[in-house]
Amino acid sequence: MKALKIIVFGLVLFLAGTVNAQVSVNINLGTPPLWGPVGYTEAQYYYLPDVEAYYDVPSARFIYLDGGNWVHRTYLPRQYRGYDLYNGYKVVMTDYRGKTPYVHFKEYKVKYAKGYRGGPQKSIGNRPDKGKASYSPKGNGGKKDKGHGGGKGKK
């Protein structure tokens, strides 16, 4: 009888530890990125007009056209790898729920053309590399280019 109580107690402890681990994993899923706009913690997608791509918050992946097909990647296309997500404008898709935000791509591409800027946006967090310059469609906010492809130099 004593052995049975020990086994049951051990089983309860094991299950409690498993449930706790599952809860902490679920809490971290779908967390908006630090470069995401403040005030939209429930948003599923952002549209990034400057790169004509979407960002899927729950999966932490970018969605963009690659060779005529929509792909889901953890990175932006090569030509935008240095894009400054903190300064780039994010159109929060508050009215869309589903798995294919690009069904509205033609409308979004016209309504939010490259360079589009709506109201001011503040990012959830600060850029981790504040001292480094990175590509920004607005020319780095008036800061001098630090040699990331936009300046005049030897060819």
Protein backbone atom coordinates (compact mmCIF):
# COMPACT_ATOMS: atom_id res chain seq x y z
CA MET A 1 0.00 0.00 0.00
CA LYS A 2 2.84 2.38 0.87
CA ALA A 3 4.53 1.63 -2.47
CA LEU A 4 1.29 2.36 -4.32
CA LYS A 5 1.03 5.80 -2.64
CA ILE A 6 4.62 6.62 -3.62
CA ILE A 7 3.96 5.60 -7.24
CA VAL A 8 0.76 7.69 -7.41
CA PHE A 9 2.53 10.68 -5.84
CA GLY A 10 5.40 10.36 -8.35
CA LEU A 11 2.94 10.14 -11.24
CA VAL A 12 1.13 13.29 -10.05
CA LEU A 13 4.45 15.18 -9.84
CA PHE A 14 5.43 14.00 -13.32
CA LEU A 15 2.10 15.10 -14.84
CA ALA A 16 2.26 18.47 -13.07
CA GLY A 17 5.71 19.10 -14.55
CA THR A 18 4.50 18.15 -18.04
CA VAL A 19 1.47 20.47 -17.86
CA ASN A 20 3.65 23.34 -16.65
CA ALA A 21 6.07 22.86 -19.56
CA GLN A 22 3.21 22.88 -22.07
CA VAL A 23 1.78 26.09 -20.65
CA SER A 24 5.08 27.95 -20.86
CA VAL A 25 5.58 26.86 -24.49
CA ASN A 26 2.12 28.10 -25.46
CA ILE A 27 2.69 31.48 -23.83
CA ASN A 28 5.64 32.18 -26.13
CA LEU A 29 3.89 31.25 -29.37
CA GLY A 30 2.62 34.17 -31.40
CA THR A 31 4.52 36.85 -29.48
CA PRO A 32 4.90 39.95 -31.67
CA PRO A 33 8.48 40.79 -32.66
CA LEU A 34 10.25 43.68 -30.93
CA TRP A 35 10.09 45.62 -34.22
CA GLY A 36 6.29 45.20 -34.32
CA PRO A 37 4.07 48.23 -33.73
CA VAL A 38 2.84 48.97 -30.21
CA GLY A 39 -0.84 48.34 -29.52
CA TYR A 40 -1.46 45.34 -31.76
CA THR A 41 -0.57 42.30 -29.66
CA GLU A 42 -3.47 40.29 -31.09
CA ALA A 43 -2.59 40.89 -34.76
CA GLN A 44 -1.90 37.83 -36.88
CA TYR A 45 -0.28 39.57 -39.88
CA TYR A 46 1.57 42.74 -40.82
CA TYR A 47 1.98 43.93 -44.39
CA LEU A 48 5.39 45.51 -45.09
CA PRO A 49 4.84 47.88 -48.04
CA ASP A 50 8.53 48.65 -48.64
CA VAL A 51 9.36 44.99 -49.26
CA GLU A 52 5.93 43.86 -50.52
CA ALA A 53 5.84 41.08 -47.97
CA TYR A 54 3.73 39.92 -45.06
CA TYR A 55 4.85 38.90 -41.59
CA ASP A 56 3.00 36.04 -39.90
CA VAL A 57 3.24 36.78 -36.16
CA PRO A 58 2.26 33.31 -34.81
CA SER A 59 4.77 31.46 -37.00
CA ALA A 60 7.40 34.25 -36.96
CA ARG A 61 7.81 33.97 -40.74
CA PHE A 62 7.80 36.36 -43.66
CA ILE A 63 5.53 35.59 -46.61
CA TYR A 64 6.54 36.91 -50.02
CA LEU A 65 6.54 36.12 -53.73
CA ASP A 66 9.53 34.11 -54.92
CA GLY A 67 9.53 33.05 -58.55
CA GLY A 68 5.76 33.49 -58.81
CA ASN A 69 5.02 31.43 -55.68
CA TRP A 70 4.19 32.60 -52.18
CA VAL A 71 6.80 31.27 -49.76
CA HIS A 72 7.04 31.30 -45.95
CA ARG A 73 10.56 32.05 -44.70
CA THR A 74 12.23 33.18 -41.49
CA TYR A 75 14.13 35.77 -43.53
CA LEU A 76 13.36 38.41 -46.13
CA PRO A 77 14.41 38.07 -49.80
CA ARG A 78 18.10 38.68 -50.48
CA GLN A 79 17.59 42.22 -51.78
CA TYR A 80 15.97 43.22 -48.46
CA ARG A 81 18.18 41.37 -45.96
CA GLY A 82 19.47 44.69 -44.58
CA TYR A 83 15.99 46.24 -44.39
CA ASP A 84 15.38 48.11 -41.13
CA LEU A 85 12.26 46.50 -39.70
CA TYR A 86 12.23 48.93 -36.78
CA ASN A 87 11.91 52.01 -39.01
CA GLY A 88 9.94 50.44 -41.84
CA TYR A 89 6.20 50.95 -41.81
CA LYS A 90 3.98 48.01 -40.83
CA VAL A 91 0.34 47.88 -41.97
CA VAL A 92 -1.42 45.83 -39.29
CA MET A 93 -4.03 43.55 -40.83
CA THR A 94 -6.67 43.78 -38.11
CA ASP A 95 -9.54 42.73 -40.38
CA TYR A 96 -8.11 39.46 -41.75
CA ARG A 97 -8.18 35.98 -40.23
CA GLY A 98 -6.98 33.02 -42.21
CA LYS A 99 -3.82 31.46 -43.63
CA THR A 100 -3.44 33.34 -46.93
CA PRO A 101 -3.15 37.10 -46.33
CA TYR A 102 -1.76 37.50 -49.85
CA VAL A 103 -5.24 37.03 -51.35
CA HIS A 104 -5.48 40.82 -50.91
CA PHE A 105 -1.99 41.49 -52.32
CA LYS A 106 -3.10 43.41 -55.44
CA GLU A 107 -5.26 45.72 -53.30
CA TYR A 108 -2.55 46.21 -50.66
CA LYS A 109 0.14 46.83 -53.28
CA VAL A 110 -1.92 49.73 -54.69
CA LYS A 111 -3.29 51.08 -51.40
CA TYR A 112 0.05 50.79 -49.55
CA ALA A 113 2.67 51.39 -52.25
CA LYS A 114 6.41 51.26 -51.51
CA GLY A 115 7.29 54.18 -49.30
CA TYR A 116 3.81 54.35 -47.73
CA ARG A 117 3.70 55.97 -44.32
CA GLY A 118 0.51 56.16 -42.30
CA GLY A 119 0.42 57.62 -38.82
CA PRO A 120 3.49 57.48 -36.58
CA GLN A 121 4.42 54.04 -35.26
CA LYS A 122 6.39 53.13 -32.20
CA SER A 123 8.07 49.72 -32.04
CA ILE A 124 7.43 47.36 -29.13
CA GLY A 125 11.14 47.23 -28.34
CA ASN A 126 14.36 49.02 -29.17
CA ARG A 127 16.65 48.00 -32.02
CA PRO A 128 19.38 45.84 -30.46
CA ASP A 129 22.14 47.41 -32.58
CA LYS A 130 21.34 51.10 -32.11
CA GLY A 131 24.83 52.20 -33.16
CA LYS A 132 24.81 50.38 -36.51
CA ALA A 133 23.30 51.85 -39.62
CA SER A 134 20.96 49.69 -41.66
CA TYR A 135 18.92 50.13 -44.78
CA SER A 136 15.86 52.28 -44.37
CA PRO A 137 13.58 53.32 -47.21
CA LYS A 138 13.60 56.86 -45.83
CA GLY A 139 17.39 57.13 -45.98
CA ASN A 140 18.24 56.25 -42.37
CA GLY A 141 16.30 59.13 -40.83
CA GLY A 142 18.91 61.72 -41.79
CA LYS A 143 21.88 59.77 -40.39
CA LYS A 144 24.99 59.33 -42.50
CA ASP A 145 25.36 56.07 -44.37
CA LYS A 146 27.95 53.82 -42.75
CA GLY A 147 28.86 51.94 -45.92
CA HIS A 148 25.93 49.59 -46.33
CA GLY A 149 25.53 49.92 -50.07
CA GLY A 150 23.90 53.34 -50.42
CA GLY A 151 26.90 55.65 -50.47
CA LYS A 152 29.33 56.74 -53.14
CA GLY A 153 32.39 54.60 -53.18
CA LYS A 154 34.70 52.58 -55.37
CA LYS A 155 32.99 50.23 -57.78
